[in-house]
PDB file of N, CA and C in Angstrom:
ATOM      1  N   MET A   1      -4.981   8.797   3.607  1.00  0.00           N
ATOM      2  CA  MET A   1      -4.034   7.710   3.531  1.00  0.00           C
ATOM      3  C   MET A   1      -2.709   8.162   4.113  1.00  0.00           C
ATOM      4  N   TYR A   2      -1.937   7.177   4.563  1.00  0.00           N
ATOM      5  CA  TYR A   2      -0.565   7.429   5.002  1.00  0.00           C
ATOM      6  C   TYR A   2       0.368   6.730   4.036  1.00  0.00           C
ATOM      7  N   MET A   3       1.530   7.348   3.801  1.00  0.00           N
ATOM      8  CA  MET A   3       2.478   6.800   2.846  1.00  0.00           C
ATOM      9  C   MET A   3       3.900   6.995   3.343  1.00  0.00           C
ATOM     10  N   LYS A   4       4.711   5.984   3.068  1.00  0.00           N
ATOM     11  CA  LYS A   4       6.142   6.081   3.337  1.00  0.00           C
ATOM     12  C   LYS A   4       6.864   5.491   2.139  1.00  0.00           C
ATOM     13  N   ILE A   5       7.900   6.188   1.693  1.00  0.00           N
ATOM     14  CA  ILE A   5       8.699   5.709   0.573  1.00  0.00           C
ATOM     15  C   ILE A   5      10.033   5.224   1.121  1.00  0.00           C
ATOM     16  N   HIS A   6      10.292   3.940   0.896  1.00  0.00           N
ATOM     17  CA  HIS A   6      11.550   3.324   1.318  1.00  0.00           C
ATOM     18  C   HIS A   6      12.466   3.291   0.096  1.00  0.00           C
ATOM     19  N   ARG A   7      13.695   3.745   0.259  1.00  0.00           N
ATOM     20  CA  ARG A   7      14.645   3.756  -0.859  1.00  0.00           C
ATOM     21  C   ARG A   7      15.804   2.813  -0.545  1.00  0.00           C
ATOM     22  N   TYR A   8      16.073   1.920  -1.495  1.00  0.00           N
ATOM     23  CA  TYR A   8      17.131   0.927  -1.320  1.00  0.00           C
ATOM     24  C   TYR A   8      18.020   0.938  -2.555  1.00  0.00           C
ATOM     25  N   ALA A   9      19.327   1.002  -2.333  1.00  0.00           N
ATOM     26  CA  ALA A   9      20.285   0.968  -3.436  1.00  0.00           C
ATOM     27  C   ALA A   9      20.141  -0.358  -4.178  1.00  0.00           C
ATOM     28  N   GLY A  10      20.067  -0.286  -5.478  1.00  0.00           N
ATOM     29  CA  GLY A  10      19.966  -1.476  -6.298  1.00  0.00           C
ATOM     30  C   GLY A  10      18.563  -2.045  -6.417  1.00  0.00           C
ATOM     31  N   VAL A  11      17.648  -1.603  -5.580  1.00  0.00           N
ATOM     32  CA  VAL A  11      16.275  -2.107  -5.611  1.00  0.00           C
ATOM     33  C   VAL A  11      15.323  -1.023  -6.101  1.00  0.00           C
ATOM     34  N   GLY A  12      15.578   0.206  -5.718  1.00  0.00           N
ATOM     35  CA  GLY A  12      14.690   1.302  -6.079  1.00  0.00           C
ATOM     36  C   GLY A  12      13.786   1.687  -4.927  1.00  0.00           C
ATOM     37  N   GLN A  13      12.619   2.167  -5.259  1.00  0.00           N
ATOM     38  CA  GLN A  13      11.682   2.651  -4.244  1.00  0.00           C
ATOM     39  C   GLN A  13      10.606   1.617  -3.942  1.00  0.00           C
ATOM     40  N   ILE A  14      10.356   1.434  -2.667  1.00  0.00           N
ATOM     41  CA  ILE A  14       9.212   0.651  -2.223  1.00  0.00           C
ATOM     42  C   ILE A  14       8.250   1.637  -1.570  1.00  0.00           C
ATOM     43  N   VAL A  15       7.062   1.735  -2.127  1.00  0.00           N
ATOM     44  CA  VAL A  15       6.055   2.660  -1.614  1.00  0.00           C
ATOM     45  C   VAL A  15       5.052   1.862  -0.789  1.00  0.00           C
ATOM     46  N   ALA A  16       4.913   2.235   0.470  1.00  0.00           N
ATOM     47  CA  ALA A  16       3.955   1.601   1.377  1.00  0.00           C
ATOM     48  C   ALA A  16       2.837   2.590   1.662  1.00  0.00           C
ATOM     49  N   VAL A  17       1.585   2.164   1.440  1.00  0.00           N
ATOM     50  CA  VAL A  17       0.430   3.041   1.628  1.00  0.00           C
ATOM     51  C   VAL A  17      -0.648   2.274   2.388  1.00  0.00           C
ATOM     52  N   CYS A  18      -1.232   2.943   3.379  1.00  0.00           N
ATOM     53  CA  CYS A  18      -2.392   2.347   4.065  1.00  0.00           C
ATOM     54  C   CYS A  18      -3.447   3.414   4.285  1.00  0.00           C
ATOM     55  N   ASP A  19      -4.683   2.965   4.344  1.00  0.00           N
ATOM     56  CA  ASP A  19      -5.781   3.881   4.675  1.00  0.00           C
ATOM     57  C   ASP A  19      -5.590   4.381   6.103  1.00  0.00           C
ATOM     58  N   THR A  20      -5.955   5.607   6.342  1.00  0.00           N
ATOM     59  CA  THR A  20      -5.727   6.274   7.621  1.00  0.00           C
ATOM     60  C   THR A  20      -6.211   5.468   8.819  1.00  0.00           C
ATOM     61  N   GLU A  21      -7.407   4.914   8.721  1.00  0.00           N
ATOM     62  CA  GLU A  21      -7.985   4.214   9.877  1.00  0.00           C
ATOM     63  C   GLU A  21      -7.291   2.889  10.189  1.00  0.00           C
ATOM     64  N   LEU A  22      -6.424   2.421   9.298  1.00  0.00           N
ATOM     65  CA  LEU A  22      -5.744   1.140   9.520  1.00  0.00           C
ATOM     66  C   LEU A  22      -4.423   1.271  10.280  1.00  0.00           C
ATOM     67  N   LEU A  23      -3.845   2.474  10.290  1.00  0.00           N
ATOM     68  CA  LEU A  23      -2.536   2.638  10.919  1.00  0.00           C
ATOM     69  C   LEU A  23      -2.595   2.251  12.398  1.00  0.00           C
ATOM     70  N   ASN A  24      -1.572   1.530  12.829  1.00  0.00           N
ATOM     71  CA  ASN A  24      -1.428   1.048  14.212  1.00  0.00           C
ATOM     72  C   ASN A  24      -2.523   0.052  14.607  1.00  0.00           C
ATOM     73  N   THR A  25      -2.974  -0.739  13.631  1.00  0.00           N
ATOM     74  CA  THR A  25      -3.904  -1.823  13.915  1.00  0.00           C
ATOM     75  C   THR A  25      -3.263  -3.138  13.472  1.00  0.00           C
ATOM     76  N   THR A  26      -3.924  -4.223  13.772  1.00  0.00           N
ATOM     77  CA  THR A  26      -3.467  -5.547  13.368  1.00  0.00           C
ATOM     78  C   THR A  26      -4.599  -6.250  12.630  1.00  0.00           C
ATOM     79  N   LEU A  27      -4.267  -6.824  11.481  1.00  0.00           N
ATOM     80  CA  LEU A  27      -5.231  -7.592  10.702  1.00  0.00           C
ATOM     81  C   LEU A  27      -4.905  -9.070  10.861  1.00  0.00           C
ATOM     82  N   THR A  28      -5.933  -9.873  11.036  1.00  0.00           N
ATOM     83  CA  THR A  28      -5.749 -11.314  11.160  1.00  0.00           C
ATOM     84  C   THR A  28      -6.756 -12.014  10.273  1.00  0.00           C
ATOM     85  N   ASP A  29      -6.273 -13.005   9.543  1.00  0.00           N
ATOM     86  CA  ASP A  29      -7.141 -13.821   8.693  1.00  0.00           C
ATOM     87  C   ASP A  29      -6.556 -15.232   8.705  1.00  0.00           C
ATOM     88  N   GLY A  30      -7.158 -16.121   9.464  1.00  0.00           N
ATOM     89  CA  GLY A  30      -6.599 -17.464   9.610  1.00  0.00           C
ATOM     90  C   GLY A  30      -5.252 -17.392  10.296  1.00  0.00           C
ATOM     91  N   ASN A  31      -4.228 -17.961   9.661  1.00  0.00           N
ATOM     92  CA  ASN A  31      -2.870 -17.947  10.225  1.00  0.00           C
ATOM     93  C   ASN A  31      -2.081 -16.687   9.865  1.00  0.00           C
ATOM     94  N   LEU A  32      -2.665 -15.809   9.069  1.00  0.00           N
ATOM     95  CA  LEU A  32      -1.986 -14.592   8.618  1.00  0.00           C
ATOM     96  C   LEU A  32      -2.277 -13.435   9.562  1.00  0.00           C
ATOM     97  N   THR A  33      -1.223 -12.785  10.027  1.00  0.00           N
ATOM     98  CA  THR A  33      -1.357 -11.601  10.868  1.00  0.00           C
ATOM     99  C   THR A  33      -0.447 -10.513  10.316  1.00  0.00           C
ATOM    100  N   ILE A  34      -0.992  -9.322  10.140  1.00  0.00           N
ATOM    101  CA  ILE A  34      -0.205  -8.177   9.657  1.00  0.00           C
ATOM    102  C   ILE A  34      -0.380  -7.030  10.638  1.00  0.00           C
ATOM    103  N   HIS A  35       0.765  -6.499  11.098  1.00  0.00           N
ATOM    104  CA  HIS A  35       0.775  -5.330  11.975  1.00  0.00           C
ATOM    105  C   HIS A  35       1.013  -4.112  11.088  1.00  0.00           C
ATOM    106  N   ILE A  36       0.109  -3.179  11.100  1.00  0.00           N
ATOM    107  CA  ILE A  36       0.196  -1.993  10.241  1.00  0.00           C
ATOM    108  C   ILE A  36       0.815  -0.872  11.069  1.00  0.00           C
ATOM    109  N   THR A  37       2.124  -0.692  10.911  1.00  0.00           N
ATOM    110  CA  THR A  37       2.886   0.199  11.785  1.00  0.00           C
ATOM    111  C   THR A  37       3.363   1.454  11.058  1.00  0.00           C
ATOM    112  N   GLU A  38       3.621   2.484  11.863  1.00  0.00           N
ATOM    113  CA  GLU A  38       4.202   3.714  11.332  1.00  0.00           C
ATOM    114  C   GLU A  38       5.596   3.463  10.780  1.00  0.00           C
ATOM    115  N   GLY A  39       6.305   2.518  11.352  1.00  0.00           N
ATOM    116  CA  GLY A  39       7.652   2.218  10.882  1.00  0.00           C
ATOM    117  C   GLY A  39       7.690   1.830   9.417  1.00  0.00           C
ATOM    118  N   PHE A  40       6.662   1.127   8.956  1.00  0.00           N
ATOM    119  CA  PHE A  40       6.628   0.709   7.552  1.00  0.00           C
ATOM    120  C   PHE A  40       5.746   1.609   6.699  1.00  0.00           C
ATOM    121  N   TYR A  41       4.570   1.960   7.182  1.00  0.00           N
ATOM    122  CA  TYR A  41       3.614   2.746   6.391  1.00  0.00           C
ATOM    123  C   TYR A  41       3.728   4.248   6.622  1.00  0.00           C
ATOM    124  N   GLY A  42       4.534   4.656   7.598  1.00  0.00           N
ATOM    125  CA  GLY A  42       4.727   6.074   7.861  1.00  0.00           C
ATOM    126  C   GLY A  42       3.534   6.699   8.554  1.00  0.00           C
ATOM    127  N   ASN A  43       3.635   8.005   8.750  1.00  0.00           N
ATOM    128  CA  ASN A  43       2.526   8.744   9.358  1.00  0.00           C
ATOM    129  C   ASN A  43       2.325  10.080   8.648  1.00  0.00           C
ATOM    130  N   THR A  44       2.736  10.110   7.383  1.00  0.00           N
ATOM    131  CA  THR A  44       2.580  11.310   6.580  1.00  0.00           C
ATOM    132  C   THR A  44       1.267  11.230   5.802  1.00  0.00           C
ATOM    133  N   PRO A  45       0.314  12.113   6.107  1.00  0.00           N
ATOM    134  CA  PRO A  45      -0.954  12.100   5.369  1.00  0.00           C
ATOM    135  C   PRO A  45      -0.716  12.486   3.905  1.00  0.00           C
ATOM    136  N   CYS A  46      -1.386  11.777   2.996  1.00  0.00           N
ATOM    137  CA  CYS A  46      -1.223  12.036   1.567  1.00  0.00           C
ATOM    138  C   CYS A  46      -2.572  12.047   0.865  1.00  0.00           C
ATOM    139  N   THR A  47      -2.649  12.825  -0.176  1.00  0.00           N
ATOM    140  CA  THR A  47      -3.856  12.867  -0.999  1.00  0.00           C
ATOM    141  C   THR A  47      -3.822  11.689  -1.985  1.00  0.00           C
ATOM    142  N   PRO A  48      -4.959  11.345  -2.547  1.00  0.00           N
ATOM    143  CA  PRO A  48      -4.956  10.298  -3.577  1.00  0.00           C
ATOM    144  C   PRO A  48      -4.032  10.630  -4.745  1.00  0.00           C
ATOM    145  N   GLU A  49      -3.941  11.885  -5.114  1.00  0.00           N
ATOM    146  CA  GLU A  49      -3.060  12.283  -6.220  1.00  0.00           C
ATOM    147  C   GLU A  49      -1.592  12.045  -5.869  1.00  0.00           C
ATOM    148  N   GLU A  50      -1.197  12.358  -4.636  1.00  0.00           N
ATOM    149  CA  GLU A  50       0.184  12.116  -4.212  1.00  0.00           C
ATOM    150  C   GLU A  50       0.496  10.622  -4.196  1.00  0.00           C
ATOM    151  N   VAL A  51      -0.450   9.833  -3.756  1.00  0.00           N
ATOM    152  CA  VAL A  51      -0.266   8.380  -3.739  1.00  0.00           C
ATOM    153  C   VAL A  51      -0.122   7.856  -5.160  1.00  0.00           C
ATOM    154  N   LYS A  52      -0.986   8.285  -6.062  1.00  0.00           N
ATOM    155  CA  LYS A  52      -0.917   7.825  -7.448  1.00  0.00           C
ATOM    156  C   LYS A  52       0.425   8.165  -8.089  1.00  0.00           C
ATOM    157  N   THR A  53       0.905   9.372  -7.860  1.00  0.00           N
ATOM    158  CA  THR A  53       2.203   9.775  -8.413  1.00  0.00           C
ATOM    159  C   THR A  53       3.314   8.888  -7.875  1.00  0.00           C
ATOM    160  N   ALA A  54       3.320   8.636  -6.570  1.00  0.00           N
ATOM    161  CA  ALA A  54       4.371   7.821  -5.958  1.00  0.00           C
ATOM    162  C   ALA A  54       4.335   6.385  -6.462  1.00  0.00           C
ATOM    163  N   ILE A  55       3.163   5.780  -6.540  1.00  0.00           N
ATOM    164  CA  ILE A  55       3.114   4.375  -6.942  1.00  0.00           C
ATOM    165  C   ILE A  55       3.398   4.192  -8.430  1.00  0.00           C
ATOM    166  N   GLN A  56       3.160   5.215  -9.229  1.00  0.00           N
ATOM    167  CA  GLN A  56       3.492   5.128 -10.651  1.00  0.00           C
ATOM    168  C   GLN A  56       5.003   5.094 -10.875  1.00  0.00           C
ATOM    169  N   HIS A  57       5.771   5.620  -9.930  1.00  0.00           N
ATOM    170  CA  HIS A  57       7.221   5.666 -10.076  1.00  0.00           C
ATOM    171  C   HIS A  57       7.948   4.651  -9.197  1.00  0.00           C
ATOM    172  N   ALA A  58       7.210   3.841  -8.482  1.00  0.00           N
ATOM    173  CA  ALA A  58       7.814   2.905  -7.536  1.00  0.00           C
ATOM    174  C   ALA A  58       8.260   1.613  -8.220  1.00  0.00           C
ATOM    175  N   SER A  59       9.286   1.008  -7.655  1.00  0.00           N
ATOM    176  CA  SER A  59       9.717  -0.322  -8.094  1.00  0.00           C
ATOM    177  C   SER A  59       8.765  -1.371  -7.538  1.00  0.00           C
ATOM    178  N   ASN A  60       8.343  -1.165  -6.295  1.00  0.00           N
ATOM    179  CA  ASN A  60       7.428  -2.072  -5.611  1.00  0.00           C
ATOM    180  C   ASN A  60       6.451  -1.257  -4.783  1.00  0.00           C
ATOM    181  N   CYS A  61       5.250  -1.811  -4.583  1.00  0.00           N
ATOM    182  CA  CYS A  61       4.237  -1.153  -3.770  1.00  0.00           C
ATOM    183  C   CYS A  61       3.614  -2.151  -2.808  1.00  0.00           C
ATOM    184  N   ASN A  62       3.278  -1.672  -1.631  1.00  0.00           N
ATOM    185  CA  ASN A  62       2.548  -2.448  -0.646  1.00  0.00           C
ATOM    186  C   ASN A  62       1.372  -1.581  -0.225  1.00  0.00           C
ATOM    187  N   LEU A  63       0.161  -2.028  -0.549  1.00  0.00           N
ATOM    188  CA  LEU A  63      -1.027  -1.213  -0.365  1.00  0.00           C
ATOM    189  C   LEU A  63      -2.035  -1.931   0.516  1.00  0.00           C
ATOM    190  N   LEU A  64      -2.556  -1.230   1.512  1.00  0.00           N
ATOM    191  CA  LEU A  64      -3.553  -1.790   2.413  1.00  0.00           C
ATOM    192  C   LEU A  64      -4.727  -0.831   2.558  1.00  0.00           C
ATOM    193  N   GLY A  65      -5.920  -1.323   2.282  1.00  0.00           N
ATOM    194  CA  GLY A  65      -7.121  -0.516   2.466  1.00  0.00           C
ATOM    195  C   GLY A  65      -7.825  -0.204   1.165  1.00  0.00           C
ATOM    196  N   GLU A  66      -9.111   0.122   1.280  1.00  0.00           N
ATOM    197  CA  GLU A  66      -9.950   0.426   0.120  1.00  0.00           C
ATOM    198  C   GLU A  66      -9.388   1.579  -0.709  1.00  0.00           C
ATOM    199  N   LYS A  67      -9.022   2.674  -0.053  1.00  0.00           N
ATOM    200  CA  LYS A  67      -8.552   3.867  -0.772  1.00  0.00           C
ATOM    201  C   LYS A  67      -7.196   3.626  -1.418  1.00  0.00           C
ATOM    202  N   ALA A  68      -6.297   2.967  -0.705  1.00  0.00           N
ATOM    203  CA  ALA A  68      -4.956   2.706  -1.235  1.00  0.00           C
ATOM    204  C   ALA A  68      -5.023   1.821  -2.474  1.00  0.00           C
ATOM    205  N   VAL A  69      -5.787   0.740  -2.400  1.00  0.00           N
ATOM    206  CA  VAL A  69      -5.919  -0.173  -3.537  1.00  0.00           C
ATOM    207  C   VAL A  69      -6.649   0.521  -4.688  1.00  0.00           C
ATOM    208  N   GLN A  70      -7.672   1.294  -4.390  1.00  0.00           N
ATOM    209  CA  GLN A  70      -8.412   2.003  -5.432  1.00  0.00           C
ATOM    210  C   GLN A  70      -7.517   2.981  -6.185  1.00  0.00           C
ATOM    211  N   ALA A  71      -6.584   3.622  -5.499  1.00  0.00           N
ATOM    212  CA  ALA A  71      -5.664   4.552  -6.166  1.00  0.00           C
ATOM    213  C   ALA A  71      -4.850   3.823  -7.231  1.00  0.00           C
ATOM    214  N   ALA A  72      -4.387   2.618  -6.933  1.00  0.00           N
ATOM    215  CA  ALA A  72      -3.613   1.834  -7.904  1.00  0.00           C
ATOM    216  C   ALA A  72      -4.485   1.399  -9.081  1.00  0.00           C
ATOM    217  N   ILE A  73      -5.730   1.051  -8.814  1.00  0.00           N
ATOM    218  CA  ILE A  73      -6.649   0.668  -9.885  1.00  0.00           C
ATOM    219  C   ILE A  73      -6.922   1.865 -10.789  1.00  0.00           C
ATOM    220  N   GLU A  74      -7.164   3.025 -10.200  1.00  0.00           N
ATOM    221  CA  GLU A  74      -7.479   4.229 -10.977  1.00  0.00           C
ATOM    222  C   GLU A  74      -6.350   4.674 -11.879  1.00  0.00           C
ATOM    223  N   CYS A  75      -5.107   4.445 -11.468  1.00  0.00           N
ATOM    224  CA  CYS A  75      -4.004   4.878 -12.339  1.00  0.00           C
ATOM    225  C   CYS A  75      -3.494   3.741 -13.233  1.00  0.00           C
ATOM    226  N   GLY A  76      -4.224   2.616 -13.257  1.00  0.00           N
ATOM    227  CA  GLY A  76      -3.921   1.555 -14.212  1.00  0.00           C
ATOM    228  C   GLY A  76      -2.796   0.619 -13.826  1.00  0.00           C
ATOM    229  N   ILE A  77      -2.333   0.681 -12.602  1.00  0.00           N
ATOM    230  CA  ILE A  77      -1.232  -0.174 -12.167  1.00  0.00           C
ATOM    231  C   ILE A  77      -1.738  -1.526 -11.670  1.00  0.00           C
ATOM    232  N   LEU A  78      -2.987  -1.563 -11.253  1.00  0.00           N
ATOM    233  CA  LEU A  78      -3.573  -2.768 -10.666  1.00  0.00           C
ATOM    234  C   LEU A  78      -4.925  -3.031 -11.326  1.00  0.00           C
ATOM    235  N   LYS A  79      -5.198  -4.298 -11.648  1.00  0.00           N
ATOM    236  CA  LYS A  79      -6.486  -4.665 -12.221  1.00  0.00           C
ATOM    237  C   LYS A  79      -7.548  -4.713 -11.126  1.00  0.00           C
ATOM    238  N   GLU A  80      -8.796  -4.579 -11.528  1.00  0.00           N
ATOM    239  CA  GLU A  80      -9.929  -4.588 -10.594  1.00  0.00           C
ATOM    240  C   GLU A  80      -9.909  -5.795  -9.660  1.00  0.00           C
ATOM    241  N   ASN A  81      -9.505  -6.933 -10.155  1.00  0.00           N
ATOM    242  CA  ASN A  81      -9.480  -8.143  -9.340  1.00  0.00           C
ATOM    243  C   ASN A  81      -8.054  -8.564  -8.975  1.00  0.00           C
ATOM    244  N   GLY A  82      -7.112  -7.644  -9.023  1.00  0.00           N
ATOM    245  CA  GLY A  82      -5.702  -7.957  -8.830  1.00  0.00           C
ATOM    246  C   GLY A  82      -5.203  -7.826  -7.401  1.00  0.00           C
ATOM    247  N   TYR A  83      -6.074  -8.046  -6.448  1.00  0.00           N
ATOM    248  CA  TYR A  83      -5.665  -7.924  -5.048  1.00  0.00           C
ATOM    249  C   TYR A  83      -6.375  -8.989  -4.222  1.00  0.00           C
ATOM    250  N   MET A  84      -5.900  -9.172  -3.006  1.00  0.00           N
ATOM    251  CA  MET A  84      -6.517 -10.115  -2.078  1.00  0.00           C
ATOM    252  C   MET A  84      -7.171  -9.339  -0.946  1.00  0.00           C
ATOM    253  N   ARG A  85      -7.835 -10.040  -0.086  1.00  0.00           N
ATOM    254  CA  ARG A  85      -8.399  -9.430   1.116  1.00  0.00           C
ATOM    255  C   ARG A  85      -7.851 -10.163   2.329  1.00  0.00           C
ATOM    256  N   ILE A  86      -7.506  -9.372   3.321  1.00  0.00           N
ATOM    257  CA  ILE A  86      -7.135  -9.915   4.619  1.00  0.00           C
ATOM    258  C   ILE A  86      -8.323  -9.605   5.512  1.00  0.00           C
ATOM    259  N   GLY A  87      -9.124 -10.611   5.773  1.00  0.00           N
ATOM    260  CA  GLY A  87     -10.427 -10.358   6.382  1.00  0.00           C
ATOM    261  C   GLY A  87     -11.247  -9.584   5.373  1.00  0.00           C
ATOM    262  N   THR A  88     -11.639  -8.382   5.706  1.00  0.00           N
ATOM    263  CA  THR A  88     -12.415  -7.546   4.786  1.00  0.00           C
ATOM    264  C   THR A  88     -11.584  -6.439   4.145  1.00  0.00           C
ATOM    265  N   VAL A  89     -10.294  -6.378   4.466  1.00  0.00           N
ATOM    266  CA  VAL A  89      -9.438  -5.270   4.026  1.00  0.00           C
ATOM    267  C   VAL A  89      -8.678  -5.637   2.754  1.00  0.00           C
ATOM    268  N   PRO A  90      -8.810  -4.846   1.676  1.00  0.00           N
ATOM    269  CA  PRO A  90      -8.055  -5.100   0.447  1.00  0.00           C
ATOM    270  C   PRO A  90      -6.551  -4.916   0.676  1.00  0.00           C
ATOM    271  N   HIS A  91      -5.773  -5.791   0.036  1.00  0.00           N
ATOM    272  CA  HIS A  91      -4.306  -5.726   0.144  1.00  0.00           C
ATOM    273  C   HIS A  91      -3.704  -6.086  -1.198  1.00  0.00           C
ATOM    274  N   ALA A  92      -2.756  -5.278  -1.652  1.00  0.00           N
ATOM    275  CA  ALA A  92      -2.061  -5.555  -2.913  1.00  0.00           C
ATOM    276  C   ALA A  92      -0.577  -5.326  -2.755  1.00  0.00           C
ATOM    277  N   GLN A  93       0.186  -6.191  -3.382  1.00  0.00           N
ATOM    278  CA  GLN A  93       1.623  -6.000  -3.515  1.00  0.00           C
ATOM    279  C   GLN A  93       1.923  -5.983  -5.000  1.00  0.00           C
ATOM    280  N   ILE A  94       2.631  -4.972  -5.435  1.00  0.00           N
ATOM    281  CA  ILE A  94       2.949  -4.793  -6.844  1.00  0.00           C
ATOM    282  C   ILE A  94       4.463  -4.793  -6.992  1.00  0.00           C
ATOM    283  N   TYR A  95       4.966  -5.651  -7.871  1.00  0.00           N
ATOM    284  CA  TYR A  95       6.409  -5.750  -8.105  1.00  0.00           C
ATOM    285  C   TYR A  95       6.681  -5.473  -9.575  1.00  0.00           C
ATOM    286  N   ARG A  96       7.659  -4.628  -9.803  1.00  0.00           N
ATOM    287  CA  ARG A  96       8.064  -4.334 -11.177  1.00  0.00           C
ATOM    288  C   ARG A  96       9.516  -4.721 -11.360  1.00  0.00           C
ATOM    289  N   THR A  97       9.824  -5.197 -12.552  1.00  0.00           N
ATOM    290  CA  THR A  97      11.213  -5.574 -12.829  1.00  0.00           C
ATOM    291  C   THR A  97      11.828  -4.620 -13.795  1.00  0.00           C
TER     292      THR A  97
END
């Protein structure tokens, strides 16, 4: 997986994670198109443990891919059915207040 942590004053951390094979691709489902770029998701390879630690401390998360979404489910932040699919790719956004 690739991960990038965005830090914003007053908002906290936004953790963006995508499965390795998705970086620099485009997903389309009907009228929805998502460009999976290094600018947002980064290009730093991370282990599932590193991803779990980061998303447990994040204010918000943006997760794309089977492995990224599974990491959130495994650490109890996301329910088994708490995500959508863009085409066949799992996608979750998690917001904490």
